[in-house]
Amino acid sequence: MVLLETIDTAWRRLDATSAGQPFQIGTTDAGNPFVRRASSMCRVLLVDDDTNTRDALGVVLRGAGHAVTLAEDGPEALRLAVVAKPHVIVCDVMMPEMDGPEVVCRIRTIPGLAEVPVVLMSALLPVPVVPVAAMLRKPFAPSRLLKLVDELGHRPATDGSDGEPDGLER
């Protein structure tokens, strides 16, 4: 519930920033992490079995101008990842059928997706050790997720993919 309240607060802040006007691509407000430049937008695959969390985070990411594909479990995430070609994958750790770490391991075997940065989310610690770009402990501020997506989604590629992250929390 805390995560949803935090997301609701963030959404209200974004809505207040636009003063009821349509979101204007290409504008920025250095004091507001929810206003994005057009160059910061990217494709995000968001995976969470909790409908409320998935939908709320999807609203936050879309509100910041990102193209978001939603998946409710690991198998669906693997199917959609091939089609959506995300710049960043944000995935819950604890899900039925296939957990987040298993999703990461399988994503790493798919050509064209092996180097896509993955952010895992979890309310529990410790988290299984898998190669991820960052870890978010629930509940978290939506601004932290937006910052990670911005940093991870637009790193310079050296081999046509999104190389390894540098200096981010694990």
N, C-alpha and C. Protein backbone atom coordinates (compact mmCIF):
# COMPACT_ATOMS: atom_id res chain seq x y z
N MET A 1 0.82 -1.19 0.00
CA MET A 1 0.00 0.00 0.00
C MET A 1 0.87 1.26 0.00
N VAL A 2 2.02 1.20 0.68
CA VAL A 2 2.91 2.35 0.72
C VAL A 2 3.40 2.71 -0.67
N LEU A 3 3.74 1.68 -1.47
CA LEU A 3 4.20 1.93 -2.84
C LEU A 3 3.12 2.63 -3.65
N LEU A 4 1.87 2.17 -3.52
CA LEU A 4 0.79 2.80 -4.28
C LEU A 4 0.56 4.24 -3.83
N GLU A 5 0.68 4.51 -2.53
CA GLU A 5 0.54 5.89 -2.05
C GLU A 5 1.66 6.76 -2.59
N THR A 6 2.88 6.24 -2.62
CA THR A 6 4.02 6.98 -3.15
C THR A 6 3.83 7.26 -4.63
N ILE A 7 3.36 6.28 -5.37
CA ILE A 7 3.13 6.46 -6.80
C ILE A 7 2.01 7.46 -7.03
N ASP A 8 0.95 7.39 -6.22
CA ASP A 8 -0.14 8.34 -6.34
C ASP A 8 0.36 9.76 -6.10
N THR A 9 1.21 9.96 -5.09
CA THR A 9 1.78 11.27 -4.82
C THR A 9 2.62 11.74 -6.00
N ALA A 10 3.41 10.84 -6.56
CA ALA A 10 4.24 11.19 -7.71
C ALA A 10 3.39 11.57 -8.91
N TRP A 11 2.31 10.83 -9.14
CA TRP A 11 1.44 11.13 -10.27
C TRP A 11 0.78 12.49 -10.11
N ARG A 12 0.36 12.79 -8.88
CA ARG A 12 -0.25 14.11 -8.63
C ARG A 12 0.76 15.23 -8.89
N ARG A 13 2.03 14.98 -8.54
CA ARG A 13 3.06 15.98 -8.78
C ARG A 13 3.27 16.19 -10.28
N LEU A 14 3.28 15.09 -11.03
CA LEU A 14 3.40 15.19 -12.48
C LEU A 14 2.22 15.94 -13.05
N ASP A 15 1.01 15.63 -12.59
CA ASP A 15 -0.18 16.29 -13.08
C ASP A 15 -0.16 17.78 -12.74
N ALA A 16 0.32 18.12 -11.54
CA ALA A 16 0.40 19.53 -11.14
C ALA A 16 1.41 20.28 -11.99
N THR A 17 2.49 19.60 -12.37
CA THR A 17 3.52 20.23 -13.20
C THR A 17 2.96 20.63 -14.55
N SER A 18 2.10 19.78 -15.11
CA SER A 18 1.54 20.09 -16.42
C SER A 18 0.38 21.06 -16.33
N ALA A 19 -0.06 21.39 -15.11
CA ALA A 19 -1.16 22.33 -14.87
C ALA A 19 -2.39 21.99 -15.72
N GLY A 20 -2.67 20.69 -15.85
CA GLY A 20 -3.84 20.26 -16.59
C GLY A 20 -3.67 20.30 -18.10
N GLN A 21 -2.50 20.74 -18.57
CA GLN A 21 -2.23 20.79 -20.01
C GLN A 21 -1.65 19.44 -20.45
N PRO A 22 -1.80 19.10 -21.71
CA PRO A 22 -1.19 17.85 -22.19
C PRO A 22 0.32 17.88 -21.97
N PHE A 23 0.87 16.70 -21.71
CA PHE A 23 2.31 16.59 -21.51
C PHE A 23 3.02 17.08 -22.77
N GLN A 24 3.98 17.96 -22.60
CA GLN A 24 4.68 18.52 -23.74
C GLN A 24 6.05 17.88 -23.86
N ILE A 25 6.22 17.12 -24.92
CA ILE A 25 7.50 16.47 -25.17
C ILE A 25 8.54 17.53 -25.51
N GLY A 26 9.74 17.35 -24.96
CA GLY A 26 10.83 18.27 -25.26
C GLY A 26 10.98 19.36 -24.23
N THR A 27 10.07 19.42 -23.25
CA THR A 27 10.20 20.41 -22.19
C THR A 27 10.90 19.76 -21.02
N THR A 28 11.41 20.57 -20.12
CA THR A 28 12.07 20.02 -18.95
C THR A 28 11.92 20.97 -17.78
N ASP A 29 12.03 20.42 -16.62
CA ASP A 29 12.01 21.18 -15.39
C ASP A 29 13.03 20.51 -14.49
N ALA A 30 14.18 21.16 -14.31
CA ALA A 30 15.29 20.54 -13.58
C ALA A 30 14.88 20.12 -12.17
N GLY A 31 13.89 20.79 -11.57
CA GLY A 31 13.47 20.45 -10.23
C GLY A 31 12.46 19.33 -10.17
N ASN A 32 11.96 18.87 -11.31
CA ASN A 32 10.94 17.85 -11.30
C ASN A 32 11.42 16.62 -12.08
N PRO A 33 11.66 15.50 -11.38
CA PRO A 33 12.18 14.31 -12.06
C PRO A 33 11.15 13.65 -12.96
N PHE A 34 9.88 14.11 -12.96
CA PHE A 34 8.84 13.47 -13.75
C PHE A 34 8.63 14.14 -15.10
N VAL A 35 9.31 15.25 -15.36
CA VAL A 35 9.24 15.90 -16.65
C VAL A 35 10.47 15.48 -17.43
N ARG A 36 10.28 14.97 -18.63
CA ARG A 36 11.37 14.38 -19.39
C ARG A 36 11.61 15.10 -20.71
N ARG A 37 12.84 15.07 -21.15
CA ARG A 37 13.18 15.51 -22.50
C ARG A 37 12.83 14.36 -23.44
N ALA A 38 12.53 14.69 -24.69
CA ALA A 38 12.19 13.66 -25.66
C ALA A 38 13.30 12.63 -25.79
N SER A 39 14.56 13.04 -25.66
CA SER A 39 15.68 12.12 -25.83
C SER A 39 15.79 11.11 -24.69
N SER A 40 15.08 11.32 -23.57
CA SER A 40 15.20 10.40 -22.45
C SER A 40 14.17 9.27 -22.51
N MET A 41 13.27 9.31 -23.48
CA MET A 41 12.24 8.29 -23.56
C MET A 41 12.80 7.00 -24.14
N CYS A 42 12.34 5.87 -23.59
CA CYS A 42 12.81 4.59 -24.08
C CYS A 42 11.72 3.54 -23.92
N ARG A 43 11.99 2.34 -24.44
CA ARG A 43 11.05 1.23 -24.33
C ARG A 43 11.36 0.44 -23.06
N VAL A 44 10.34 0.22 -22.25
CA VAL A 44 10.50 -0.48 -20.98
C VAL A 44 9.56 -1.68 -20.96
N LEU A 45 10.08 -2.84 -20.57
CA LEU A 45 9.26 -4.01 -20.29
C LEU A 45 9.12 -4.09 -18.78
N LEU A 46 7.90 -3.99 -18.27
CA LEU A 46 7.61 -3.99 -16.85
C LEU A 46 6.91 -5.30 -16.50
N VAL A 47 7.52 -6.07 -15.59
CA VAL A 47 7.02 -7.40 -15.24
C VAL A 47 6.70 -7.47 -13.75
N ASP A 48 5.44 -7.69 -13.43
CA ASP A 48 5.04 -7.84 -12.03
C ASP A 48 3.71 -8.57 -11.99
N ASP A 49 3.60 -9.57 -11.13
CA ASP A 49 2.36 -10.32 -11.03
C ASP A 49 1.29 -9.58 -10.26
N ASP A 50 1.65 -8.55 -9.51
CA ASP A 50 0.68 -7.75 -8.77
C ASP A 50 0.10 -6.69 -9.70
N THR A 51 -1.17 -6.82 -10.02
CA THR A 51 -1.82 -5.93 -10.98
C THR A 51 -1.73 -4.47 -10.57
N ASN A 52 -1.96 -4.17 -9.29
CA ASN A 52 -1.93 -2.77 -8.84
C ASN A 52 -0.55 -2.15 -9.01
N THR A 53 0.48 -2.88 -8.60
CA THR A 53 1.85 -2.37 -8.73
C THR A 53 2.22 -2.21 -10.20
N ARG A 54 1.92 -3.22 -10.99
CA ARG A 54 2.24 -3.19 -12.42
C ARG A 54 1.56 -2.00 -13.11
N ASP A 55 0.27 -1.83 -12.85
CA ASP A 55 -0.46 -0.74 -13.50
C ASP A 55 0.00 0.63 -13.01
N ALA A 56 0.25 0.75 -11.70
CA ALA A 56 0.69 2.04 -11.15
C ALA A 56 2.06 2.44 -11.70
N LEU A 57 3.00 1.50 -11.71
CA LEU A 57 4.32 1.82 -12.25
C LEU A 57 4.25 2.09 -13.76
N GLY A 58 3.36 1.38 -14.44
CA GLY A 58 3.16 1.63 -15.86
C GLY A 58 2.67 3.05 -16.11
N VAL A 59 1.77 3.53 -15.27
CA VAL A 59 1.26 4.90 -15.39
C VAL A 59 2.39 5.90 -15.16
N VAL A 60 3.22 5.66 -14.16
CA VAL A 60 4.34 6.56 -13.87
C VAL A 60 5.31 6.61 -15.04
N LEU A 61 5.68 5.45 -15.56
CA LEU A 61 6.63 5.40 -16.67
C LEU A 61 6.05 6.03 -17.94
N ARG A 62 4.79 5.73 -18.23
CA ARG A 62 4.14 6.34 -19.40
C ARG A 62 3.99 7.84 -19.23
N GLY A 63 3.67 8.26 -18.01
CA GLY A 63 3.53 9.68 -17.72
C GLY A 63 4.83 10.44 -17.94
N ALA A 64 5.94 9.73 -17.81
CA ALA A 64 7.25 10.35 -18.06
C ALA A 64 7.65 10.22 -19.52
N GLY A 65 6.75 9.65 -20.34
CA GLY A 65 6.99 9.59 -21.78
C GLY A 65 7.59 8.31 -22.31
N HIS A 66 7.76 7.30 -21.46
CA HIS A 66 8.35 6.04 -21.91
C HIS A 66 7.29 5.14 -22.55
N ALA A 67 7.70 4.34 -23.50
CA ALA A 67 6.82 3.34 -24.10
C ALA A 67 6.92 2.09 -23.22
N VAL A 68 5.80 1.67 -22.65
CA VAL A 68 5.82 0.60 -21.66
C VAL A 68 5.02 -0.60 -22.16
N THR A 69 5.63 -1.78 -22.04
CA THR A 69 4.96 -3.05 -22.31
C THR A 69 4.80 -3.74 -20.97
N LEU A 70 3.59 -4.18 -20.65
CA LEU A 70 3.33 -4.82 -19.36
C LEU A 70 3.23 -6.33 -19.51
N ALA A 71 3.85 -7.05 -18.57
CA ALA A 71 3.76 -8.51 -18.52
C ALA A 71 3.40 -8.91 -17.09
N GLU A 72 2.52 -9.89 -16.96
CA GLU A 72 2.07 -10.28 -15.63
C GLU A 72 2.84 -11.45 -15.03
N ASP A 73 3.70 -12.07 -15.82
CA ASP A 73 4.51 -13.17 -15.28
C ASP A 73 5.74 -13.39 -16.16
N GLY A 74 6.60 -14.29 -15.72
CA GLY A 74 7.84 -14.56 -16.43
C GLY A 74 7.67 -15.07 -17.85
N PRO A 75 6.83 -16.11 -18.06
CA PRO A 75 6.66 -16.61 -19.43
C PRO A 75 6.14 -15.53 -20.38
N GLU A 76 5.20 -14.71 -19.92
CA GLU A 76 4.69 -13.63 -20.77
C GLU A 76 5.80 -12.61 -21.05
N ALA A 77 6.62 -12.33 -20.05
CA ALA A 77 7.73 -11.39 -20.22
C ALA A 77 8.69 -11.87 -21.31
N LEU A 78 9.00 -13.16 -21.31
CA LEU A 78 9.92 -13.70 -22.32
C LEU A 78 9.32 -13.59 -23.72
N ARG A 79 8.02 -13.87 -23.84
CA ARG A 79 7.36 -13.74 -25.16
C ARG A 79 7.36 -12.30 -25.63
N LEU A 80 7.00 -11.38 -24.74
CA LEU A 80 6.88 -9.97 -25.11
C LEU A 80 8.23 -9.31 -25.35
N ALA A 81 9.25 -9.74 -24.63
CA ALA A 81 10.58 -9.13 -24.77
C ALA A 81 11.10 -9.26 -26.20
N VAL A 82 10.85 -10.38 -26.83
CA VAL A 82 11.32 -10.61 -28.20
C VAL A 82 10.64 -9.64 -29.16
N VAL A 83 9.37 -9.35 -28.93
CA VAL A 83 8.60 -8.47 -29.81
C VAL A 83 8.85 -7.00 -29.48
N ALA A 84 8.85 -6.66 -28.18
CA ALA A 84 8.94 -5.26 -27.74
C ALA A 84 10.35 -4.69 -27.87
N LYS A 85 11.36 -5.54 -27.85
CA LYS A 85 12.76 -5.11 -27.91
C LYS A 85 13.02 -3.95 -26.94
N PRO A 86 12.86 -4.22 -25.64
CA PRO A 86 13.00 -3.14 -24.65
C PRO A 86 14.43 -2.64 -24.51
N HIS A 87 14.54 -1.37 -24.11
CA HIS A 87 15.85 -0.81 -23.76
C HIS A 87 16.19 -1.17 -22.31
N VAL A 88 15.15 -1.35 -21.49
CA VAL A 88 15.30 -1.68 -20.07
C VAL A 88 14.17 -2.64 -19.68
N ILE A 89 14.50 -3.61 -18.81
CA ILE A 89 13.49 -4.51 -18.26
C ILE A 89 13.44 -4.27 -16.75
N VAL A 90 12.24 -4.04 -16.23
CA VAL A 90 12.02 -3.87 -14.80
C VAL A 90 11.16 -5.05 -14.37
N CYS A 91 11.67 -5.84 -13.42
CA CYS A 91 11.03 -7.11 -13.10
C CYS A 91 10.96 -7.35 -11.60
N ASP A 92 9.81 -7.82 -11.15
CA ASP A 92 9.64 -8.22 -9.76
C ASP A 92 10.42 -9.51 -9.52
N VAL A 93 10.84 -9.72 -8.28
CA VAL A 93 11.59 -10.94 -7.95
C VAL A 93 10.64 -12.10 -7.70
N MET A 94 9.65 -11.90 -6.83
CA MET A 94 8.78 -13.00 -6.43
C MET A 94 7.52 -13.04 -7.28
N MET A 95 7.47 -14.03 -8.17
CA MET A 95 6.30 -14.24 -9.02
C MET A 95 6.06 -15.74 -9.13
N PRO A 96 4.80 -16.14 -9.30
CA PRO A 96 4.53 -17.57 -9.48
C PRO A 96 5.00 -18.04 -10.86
N GLU A 97 5.16 -19.31 -11.00
CA GLU A 97 5.53 -19.97 -12.25
C GLU A 97 7.00 -19.75 -12.61
N MET A 98 7.45 -18.48 -12.70
CA MET A 98 8.86 -18.19 -13.01
C MET A 98 9.22 -16.89 -12.28
N ASP A 99 10.18 -16.99 -11.36
CA ASP A 99 10.55 -15.79 -10.60
C ASP A 99 11.47 -14.87 -11.40
N GLY A 100 11.71 -13.68 -10.86
CA GLY A 100 12.53 -12.68 -11.53
C GLY A 100 13.93 -13.15 -11.89
N PRO A 101 14.66 -13.78 -10.95
CA PRO A 101 16.00 -14.26 -11.29
C PRO A 101 16.00 -15.26 -12.46
N GLU A 102 14.98 -16.11 -12.53
CA GLU A 102 14.88 -17.05 -13.65
C GLU A 102 14.60 -16.30 -14.95
N VAL A 103 13.77 -15.26 -14.89
CA VAL A 103 13.51 -14.43 -16.07
C VAL A 103 14.83 -13.83 -16.57
N VAL A 104 15.64 -13.30 -15.64
CA VAL A 104 16.92 -12.70 -16.01
C VAL A 104 17.81 -13.73 -16.69
N CYS A 105 17.93 -14.91 -16.11
CA CYS A 105 18.78 -15.95 -16.69
C CYS A 105 18.32 -16.33 -18.09
N ARG A 106 17.04 -16.43 -18.30
CA ARG A 106 16.53 -16.80 -19.63
C ARG A 106 16.68 -15.65 -20.63
N ILE A 107 16.47 -14.43 -20.19
CA ILE A 107 16.65 -13.25 -21.06
C ILE A 107 18.10 -13.23 -21.58
N ARG A 108 19.05 -13.58 -20.71
CA ARG A 108 20.47 -13.54 -21.07
C ARG A 108 20.83 -14.54 -22.17
N THR A 109 19.95 -15.50 -22.45
CA THR A 109 20.21 -16.49 -23.49
C THR A 109 19.56 -16.12 -24.83
N ILE A 110 18.79 -15.05 -24.88
CA ILE A 110 18.08 -14.66 -26.10
C ILE A 110 18.92 -13.66 -26.88
N PRO A 111 19.29 -14.00 -28.11
CA PRO A 111 20.07 -13.07 -28.93
C PRO A 111 19.35 -11.73 -29.07
N GLY A 112 20.09 -10.65 -28.92
CA GLY A 112 19.52 -9.32 -29.02
C GLY A 112 18.99 -8.79 -27.70
N LEU A 113 18.82 -9.67 -26.71
CA LEU A 113 18.32 -9.24 -25.39
C LEU A 113 19.32 -9.49 -24.28
N ALA A 114 20.37 -10.23 -24.57
CA ALA A 114 21.33 -10.63 -23.55
C ALA A 114 21.96 -9.45 -22.81
N GLU A 115 22.11 -8.33 -23.47
CA GLU A 115 22.75 -7.17 -22.85
C GLU A 115 21.77 -6.10 -22.36
N VAL A 116 20.48 -6.37 -22.49
CA VAL A 116 19.48 -5.40 -22.02
C VAL A 116 19.57 -5.31 -20.50
N PRO A 117 19.72 -4.10 -19.96
CA PRO A 117 19.81 -3.97 -18.51
C PRO A 117 18.49 -4.34 -17.83
N VAL A 118 18.61 -5.04 -16.70
CA VAL A 118 17.45 -5.47 -15.93
C VAL A 118 17.53 -4.85 -14.54
N VAL A 119 16.40 -4.32 -14.10
CA VAL A 119 16.25 -3.81 -12.75
C VAL A 119 15.29 -4.76 -12.04
N LEU A 120 15.74 -5.37 -10.96
CA LEU A 120 14.86 -6.22 -10.16
C LEU A 120 14.25 -5.42 -9.02
N MET A 121 12.99 -5.74 -8.68
CA MET A 121 12.29 -5.10 -7.57
C MET A 121 11.89 -6.19 -6.58
N SER A 122 12.06 -5.90 -5.29
CA SER A 122 11.66 -6.87 -4.28
C SER A 122 11.46 -6.21 -2.93
N ALA A 123 10.51 -6.73 -2.19
CA ALA A 123 10.30 -6.27 -0.82
C ALA A 123 11.14 -7.11 0.14
N LEU A 124 11.66 -8.22 -0.34
CA LEU A 124 12.40 -9.14 0.51
C LEU A 124 13.90 -9.08 0.24
N LEU A 125 14.66 -9.33 1.28
CA LEU A 125 16.10 -9.47 1.16
C LEU A 125 16.47 -10.75 1.87
N PRO A 126 17.49 -11.47 1.51
CA PRO A 126 18.38 -11.20 0.39
C PRO A 126 17.74 -11.63 -0.93
N VAL A 127 18.22 -11.07 -1.98
CA VAL A 127 17.76 -11.38 -3.33
C VAL A 127 18.77 -12.35 -3.94
N PRO A 128 18.28 -13.35 -4.67
CA PRO A 128 19.22 -14.28 -5.32
C PRO A 128 20.22 -13.52 -6.21
N VAL A 129 21.43 -14.01 -6.25
CA VAL A 129 22.48 -13.35 -7.01
C VAL A 129 22.32 -13.70 -8.50
N VAL A 130 22.01 -12.68 -9.29
CA VAL A 130 21.93 -12.81 -10.75
C VAL A 130 22.50 -11.53 -11.34
N PRO A 131 22.96 -11.57 -12.57
CA PRO A 131 23.54 -10.37 -13.18
C PRO A 131 22.47 -9.34 -13.55
N VAL A 132 22.33 -8.31 -12.72
CA VAL A 132 21.36 -7.25 -12.98
C VAL A 132 22.05 -5.89 -12.91
N ALA A 133 21.43 -4.91 -13.54
CA ALA A 133 21.97 -3.56 -13.54
C ALA A 133 21.73 -2.87 -12.20
N ALA A 134 20.58 -3.15 -11.58
CA ALA A 134 20.24 -2.49 -10.31
C ALA A 134 19.16 -3.28 -9.60
N MET A 135 19.04 -2.99 -8.32
CA MET A 135 18.03 -3.61 -7.47
C MET A 135 17.26 -2.51 -6.76
N LEU A 136 15.94 -2.57 -6.78
CA LEU A 136 15.10 -1.62 -6.05
C LEU A 136 14.37 -2.38 -4.96
N ARG A 137 14.48 -1.89 -3.74
CA ARG A 137 13.77 -2.52 -2.64
C ARG A 137 12.43 -1.82 -2.46
N LYS A 138 11.36 -2.60 -2.52
CA LYS A 138 10.01 -2.07 -2.36
C LYS A 138 9.77 -1.76 -0.89
N PRO A 139 9.07 -0.71 -0.57
CA PRO A 139 8.57 0.33 -1.47
C PRO A 139 9.70 1.30 -1.83
N PHE A 140 9.61 1.88 -3.01
CA PHE A 140 10.61 2.85 -3.46
C PHE A 140 9.90 4.04 -4.08
N ALA A 141 10.60 5.15 -4.14
CA ALA A 141 10.05 6.35 -4.76
C ALA A 141 10.05 6.17 -6.27
N PRO A 142 8.98 6.50 -6.95
CA PRO A 142 8.95 6.39 -8.41
C PRO A 142 10.08 7.16 -9.09
N SER A 143 10.54 8.24 -8.46
CA SER A 143 11.64 9.01 -9.05
C SER A 143 12.91 8.17 -9.15
N ARG A 144 13.12 7.23 -8.22
CA ARG A 144 14.29 6.34 -8.30
C ARG A 144 14.19 5.43 -9.52
N LEU A 145 13.00 4.90 -9.77
CA LEU A 145 12.81 4.05 -10.94
C LEU A 145 13.01 4.86 -12.22
N LEU A 146 12.44 6.04 -12.29
CA LEU A 146 12.59 6.88 -13.48
C LEU A 146 14.05 7.23 -13.73
N LYS A 147 14.79 7.52 -12.67
CA LYS A 147 16.20 7.85 -12.81
C LYS A 147 16.98 6.64 -13.37
N LEU A 148 16.70 5.47 -12.84
CA LEU A 148 17.37 4.26 -13.33
C LEU A 148 17.03 3.99 -14.79
N VAL A 149 15.76 4.11 -15.14
CA VAL A 149 15.35 3.86 -16.52
C VAL A 149 16.05 4.84 -17.45
N ASP A 150 16.13 6.10 -17.05
CA ASP A 150 16.82 7.10 -17.87
C ASP A 150 18.30 6.76 -18.03
N GLU A 151 18.96 6.40 -16.93
CA GLU A 151 20.39 6.10 -16.98
C GLU A 151 20.68 4.83 -17.77
N LEU A 152 19.87 3.81 -17.57
CA LEU A 152 20.13 2.52 -18.21
C LEU A 152 19.64 2.47 -19.65
N GLY A 153 18.60 3.18 -19.96
CA GLY A 153 18.00 3.09 -21.28
C GLY A 153 18.72 3.84 -22.37
N HIS A 154 19.65 4.70 -22.00
CA HIS A 154 20.30 5.52 -23.02
C HIS A 154 21.79 5.61 -22.86
N ARG A 155 22.42 4.49 -22.47
CA ARG A 155 23.87 4.46 -22.43
C ARG A 155 24.39 4.26 -23.83
N PRO A 156 25.57 4.78 -24.13
CA PRO A 156 26.14 4.55 -25.46
C PRO A 156 26.40 3.07 -25.68
N ALA A 157 25.99 2.57 -26.82
CA ALA A 157 26.23 1.17 -27.15
C ALA A 157 27.55 1.03 -27.89
N THR A 158 28.30 0.00 -27.53
CA THR A 158 29.59 -0.23 -28.18
C THR A 158 29.51 -1.32 -29.23
N ASP A 159 28.53 -2.21 -29.07
CA ASP A 159 28.42 -3.33 -30.00
C ASP A 159 27.00 -3.46 -30.56
N GLY A 160 26.26 -2.36 -30.55
CA GLY A 160 24.90 -2.40 -31.03
C GLY A 160 23.92 -2.79 -29.95
N SER A 161 24.42 -3.04 -28.74
CA SER A 161 23.53 -3.37 -27.63
C SER A 161 23.75 -2.36 -26.52
N ASP A 162 23.04 -2.54 -25.41
CA ASP A 162 23.17 -1.64 -24.26
C ASP A 162 24.22 -2.21 -23.33
N GLY A 163 25.46 -1.90 -23.40
CA GLY A 163 26.55 -2.47 -22.61
C GLY A 163 26.27 -2.59 -21.13
N GLU A 164 27.27 -2.84 -20.36
CA GLU A 164 27.13 -3.02 -18.92
C GLU A 164 26.94 -1.68 -18.21
N PRO A 165 26.19 -1.70 -17.12
CA PRO A 165 25.98 -0.46 -16.37
C PRO A 165 27.24 -0.04 -15.64
N ASP A 166 27.36 1.26 -15.38
CA ASP A 166 28.51 1.71 -14.61
C ASP A 166 28.09 2.55 -13.44
N GLY A 167 28.54 2.16 -12.26
CA GLY A 167 28.34 2.95 -11.05
C GLY A 167 26.95 2.92 -10.45
N LEU A 168 26.09 1.98 -10.80
CA LEU A 168 24.76 1.94 -10.22
C LEU A 168 24.72 0.99 -9.04
N GLU A 169 23.79 1.24 -8.12
CA GLU A 169 23.61 0.37 -6.98
C GLU A 169 23.21 -1.02 -7.44
N ARG A 170 23.68 -2.00 -6.74
CA ARG A 170 23.26 -3.38 -7.00
C ARG A 170 22.54 -3.91 -5.81
